[in-house]
Amino acid sequence: MKDKELITEIQNMRMCLGVLRDNIRSHDEIAGEYAGDVMSFMTNILSRISKERVDK
């Protein structure tokens, strides 16, 4: 998988998780927080991939 495809896939998953997080949070606050943490991990991954592409 190329970097661009990987970035697009992670961005799409992060966007879907954002919608799910809001729905989850309305039922269970702690589970919603965990979903937010996963979104943060995805953001960090995207940042690292972008940084590596710039450094090359």
N, C-alpha and C. Protein backbone atom coordinates (compact mmCIF):
# COMPACT_ATOMS: atom_id res chain seq x y z
N MET A 1 0.85 -1.19 0.00
CA MET A 1 0.00 0.00 0.00
C MET A 1 0.89 1.24 0.00
N LYS A 2 0.59 2.15 -0.87
CA LYS A 2 1.36 3.38 -0.97
C LYS A 2 1.03 4.31 0.19
N ASP A 3 1.97 5.22 0.49
CA ASP A 3 1.77 6.16 1.59
C ASP A 3 0.47 6.94 1.45
N LYS A 4 0.20 7.41 0.24
CA LYS A 4 -0.99 8.23 0.03
C LYS A 4 -2.27 7.43 0.31
N GLU A 5 -2.28 6.16 -0.12
CA GLU A 5 -3.44 5.30 0.15
C GLU A 5 -3.59 5.04 1.64
N LEU A 6 -2.46 4.82 2.31
CA LEU A 6 -2.48 4.59 3.75
C LEU A 6 -3.01 5.81 4.50
N ILE A 7 -2.53 6.97 4.12
CA ILE A 7 -2.99 8.21 4.75
C ILE A 7 -4.49 8.39 4.55
N THR A 8 -4.95 8.17 3.33
CA THR A 8 -6.38 8.31 3.03
C THR A 8 -7.20 7.33 3.86
N GLU A 9 -6.73 6.09 3.95
CA GLU A 9 -7.45 5.07 4.73
C GLU A 9 -7.53 5.45 6.21
N ILE A 10 -6.43 5.90 6.78
CA ILE A 10 -6.43 6.30 8.19
C ILE A 10 -7.32 7.51 8.41
N GLN A 11 -7.29 8.47 7.49
CA GLN A 11 -8.15 9.65 7.61
C GLN A 11 -9.62 9.25 7.57
N ASN A 12 -9.97 8.33 6.68
CA ASN A 12 -11.35 7.87 6.60
C ASN A 12 -11.78 7.15 7.87
N MET A 13 -10.90 6.28 8.39
CA MET A 13 -11.22 5.57 9.64
C MET A 13 -11.39 6.56 10.79
N ARG A 14 -10.52 7.56 10.83
CA ARG A 14 -10.59 8.56 11.90
C ARG A 14 -11.89 9.35 11.83
N MET A 15 -12.31 9.70 10.62
CA MET A 15 -13.55 10.44 10.44
C MET A 15 -14.76 9.60 10.89
N CYS A 16 -14.77 8.33 10.51
CA CYS A 16 -15.86 7.43 10.93
C CYS A 16 -15.87 7.26 12.44
N LEU A 17 -14.69 7.13 13.02
CA LEU A 17 -14.60 6.98 14.47
C LEU A 17 -15.09 8.22 15.19
N GLY A 18 -14.88 9.39 14.59
CA GLY A 18 -15.37 10.63 15.19
C GLY A 18 -16.88 10.62 15.33
N VAL A 19 -17.58 10.14 14.30
CA VAL A 19 -19.04 10.05 14.35
C VAL A 19 -19.45 9.00 15.38
N LEU A 20 -18.77 7.86 15.36
CA LEU A 20 -19.08 6.81 16.33
C LEU A 20 -18.82 7.26 17.76
N ARG A 21 -17.74 8.01 17.95
CA ARG A 21 -17.39 8.50 19.29
C ARG A 21 -18.53 9.30 19.89
N ASP A 22 -19.13 10.16 19.09
CA ASP A 22 -20.24 10.97 19.60
C ASP A 22 -21.43 10.09 19.98
N ASN A 23 -21.70 9.09 19.15
CA ASN A 23 -22.80 8.17 19.47
C ASN A 23 -22.49 7.32 20.70
N ILE A 24 -21.25 6.85 20.78
CA ILE A 24 -20.84 6.03 21.93
C ILE A 24 -20.91 6.85 23.21
N ARG A 25 -20.42 8.08 23.14
CA ARG A 25 -20.36 8.94 24.32
C ARG A 25 -21.76 9.20 24.89
N SER A 26 -22.76 9.25 24.01
CA SER A 26 -24.12 9.50 24.49
C SER A 26 -24.65 8.32 25.32
N HIS A 27 -24.05 7.15 25.13
CA HIS A 27 -24.47 5.96 25.89
C HIS A 27 -23.52 5.63 27.04
N ASP A 28 -22.23 5.89 26.83
CA ASP A 28 -21.23 5.52 27.84
C ASP A 28 -20.07 6.51 27.76
N GLU A 29 -19.96 7.37 28.74
CA GLU A 29 -18.95 8.44 28.74
C GLU A 29 -17.52 7.89 28.67
N ILE A 30 -17.22 6.84 29.43
CA ILE A 30 -15.86 6.29 29.46
C ILE A 30 -15.50 5.67 28.11
N ALA A 31 -16.42 4.92 27.52
CA ALA A 31 -16.16 4.33 26.20
C ALA A 31 -15.94 5.43 25.16
N GLY A 32 -16.67 6.52 25.27
CA GLY A 32 -16.47 7.65 24.38
C GLY A 32 -15.09 8.26 24.53
N GLU A 33 -14.59 8.30 25.77
CA GLU A 33 -13.23 8.80 26.01
C GLU A 33 -12.20 7.90 25.36
N TYR A 34 -12.40 6.58 25.46
CA TYR A 34 -11.48 5.64 24.81
C TYR A 34 -11.47 5.84 23.30
N ALA A 35 -12.64 6.05 22.71
CA ALA A 35 -12.73 6.30 21.28
C ALA A 35 -11.96 7.59 20.92
N GLY A 36 -12.06 8.58 21.77
CA GLY A 36 -11.30 9.82 21.57
C GLY A 36 -9.81 9.58 21.63
N ASP A 37 -9.38 8.70 22.54
CA ASP A 37 -7.96 8.36 22.64
C ASP A 37 -7.48 7.68 21.37
N VAL A 38 -8.30 6.79 20.82
CA VAL A 38 -7.93 6.10 19.57
C VAL A 38 -7.81 7.13 18.44
N MET A 39 -8.70 8.11 18.42
CA MET A 39 -8.61 9.17 17.41
C MET A 39 -7.29 9.93 17.56
N SER A 40 -6.86 10.16 18.79
CA SER A 40 -5.59 10.84 19.03
C SER A 40 -4.43 10.02 18.49
N PHE A 41 -4.48 8.69 18.71
CA PHE A 41 -3.43 7.82 18.19
C PHE A 41 -3.38 7.92 16.66
N MET A 42 -4.54 7.91 16.03
CA MET A 42 -4.60 8.01 14.57
C MET A 42 -4.02 9.34 14.09
N THR A 43 -4.31 10.41 14.80
CA THR A 43 -3.78 11.72 14.45
C THR A 43 -2.26 11.70 14.56
N ASN A 44 -1.74 11.08 15.62
CA ASN A 44 -0.29 10.98 15.78
C ASN A 44 0.35 10.17 14.67
N ILE A 45 -0.29 9.08 14.27
CA ILE A 45 0.22 8.26 13.17
C ILE A 45 0.27 9.09 11.89
N LEU A 46 -0.81 9.81 11.61
CA LEU A 46 -0.83 10.65 10.40
C LEU A 46 0.26 11.70 10.44
N SER A 47 0.49 12.29 11.60
CA SER A 47 1.54 13.30 11.74
C SER A 47 2.92 12.71 11.47
N ARG A 48 3.15 11.51 12.00
CA ARG A 48 4.46 10.87 11.80
C ARG A 48 4.68 10.51 10.34
N ILE A 49 3.63 9.99 9.68
CA ILE A 49 3.75 9.64 8.27
C ILE A 49 4.04 10.90 7.45
N SER A 50 3.32 11.98 7.74
CA SER A 50 3.53 13.23 7.02
C SER A 50 4.93 13.76 7.24
N LYS A 51 5.40 13.69 8.48
CA LYS A 51 6.75 14.17 8.82
C LYS A 51 7.80 13.36 8.08
N GLU A 52 7.64 12.04 8.05
CA GLU A 52 8.61 11.19 7.35
C GLU A 52 8.63 11.49 5.86
N ARG A 53 7.47 11.79 5.28
CA ARG A 53 7.42 12.10 3.85
C ARG A 53 8.14 13.41 3.57
N VAL A 54 8.03 14.37 4.49
CA VAL A 54 8.70 15.67 4.32
C VAL A 54 10.20 15.51 4.49
N ASP A 55 10.61 14.65 5.44
CA ASP A 55 12.03 14.45 5.71
C ASP A 55 12.76 13.73 4.58
N LYS A 56 12.03 12.99 3.75
CA LYS A 56 12.68 12.22 2.66
C LYS A 56 13.21 13.08 1.59
